[in-house]
Amino acid sequence: MAKKGVQKNTQNKAKHTKLLNRKKNKLRKEKEAHKERLKAIVNKAKEQQDKNINLK
């Protein structure tokens, strides 16, 4: 026999999924930001090396 009334667990599952998606998105954004920072540092170091080589 099927249950009557409101389904029991769907709201908790929806909230849990929402929170997990937020967490995944946050981690993904942090990872991308970290990559961008590293790229900026590497580019700056390369520019400084080029300047030093050109000055010599």
Protein backbone atom coordinates (compact mmCIF):
# COMPACT_ATOMS: atom_id res chain seq x y z
CA MET A 1 0.00 0.00 0.00
CA ALA A 2 1.21 3.44 -0.89
CA LYS A 3 1.64 6.03 1.80
CA LYS A 4 -0.74 8.95 1.91
CA GLY A 5 0.24 12.53 2.63
CA VAL A 6 3.55 14.35 2.37
CA GLN A 7 6.66 12.41 1.44
CA LYS A 8 8.86 12.08 4.47
CA ASN A 9 12.46 12.52 3.39
CA THR A 10 12.46 14.69 0.27
CA GLN A 11 12.98 18.03 2.02
CA ASN A 12 16.01 16.82 3.97
CA LYS A 13 17.49 15.26 0.85
CA ALA A 14 16.97 18.49 -1.08
CA LYS A 15 18.65 20.55 1.66
CA HIS A 16 21.53 18.10 1.88
CA THR A 17 22.05 18.15 -1.89
CA LYS A 18 21.94 21.95 -1.89
CA LEU A 19 24.58 22.15 0.84
CA LEU A 20 26.83 19.62 -0.87
CA ASN A 21 26.55 21.52 -4.17
CA ARG A 22 27.49 24.75 -2.37
CA LYS A 23 30.51 23.03 -0.84
CA LYS A 24 31.62 21.59 -4.20
CA ASN A 25 31.23 24.96 -5.92
CA LYS A 26 33.18 26.69 -3.16
CA LEU A 27 36.04 24.20 -3.44
CA ARG A 28 36.03 24.49 -7.23
CA LYS A 29 36.20 28.30 -7.06
CA GLU A 30 39.00 28.20 -4.48
CA LYS A 31 40.96 25.78 -6.66
CA GLU A 32 40.55 28.03 -9.72
CA ALA A 33 41.56 31.11 -7.72
CA HIS A 34 44.65 29.27 -6.46
CA LYS A 35 45.62 28.34 -10.03
CA GLU A 36 45.19 31.95 -11.14
CA ARG A 37 47.41 33.19 -8.29
CA LEU A 38 50.10 30.66 -9.19
CA LYS A 39 49.94 31.67 -12.85
CA ALA A 40 50.33 35.32 -11.87
CA ILE A 41 53.35 34.52 -9.68
CA VAL A 42 54.99 32.44 -12.42
CA ASN A 43 54.40 35.16 -15.02
CA LYS A 44 55.84 37.81 -12.71
CA ALA A 45 58.92 35.66 -12.07
CA LYS A 46 59.40 35.12 -15.82
CA GLU A 47 59.16 38.86 -16.47
CA GLN A 48 61.75 39.56 -13.79
CA GLN A 49 64.08 36.96 -15.28
CA ASP A 50 63.66 38.50 -18.71
CA LYS A 51 64.45 41.95 -17.32
CA ASN A 52 67.55 40.62 -15.56
CA ILE A 53 68.76 38.89 -18.71
CA ASN A 54 68.16 42.00 -20.82
CA LEU A 55 70.04 44.21 -18.35
CA LYS A 56 73.17 42.03 -18.46
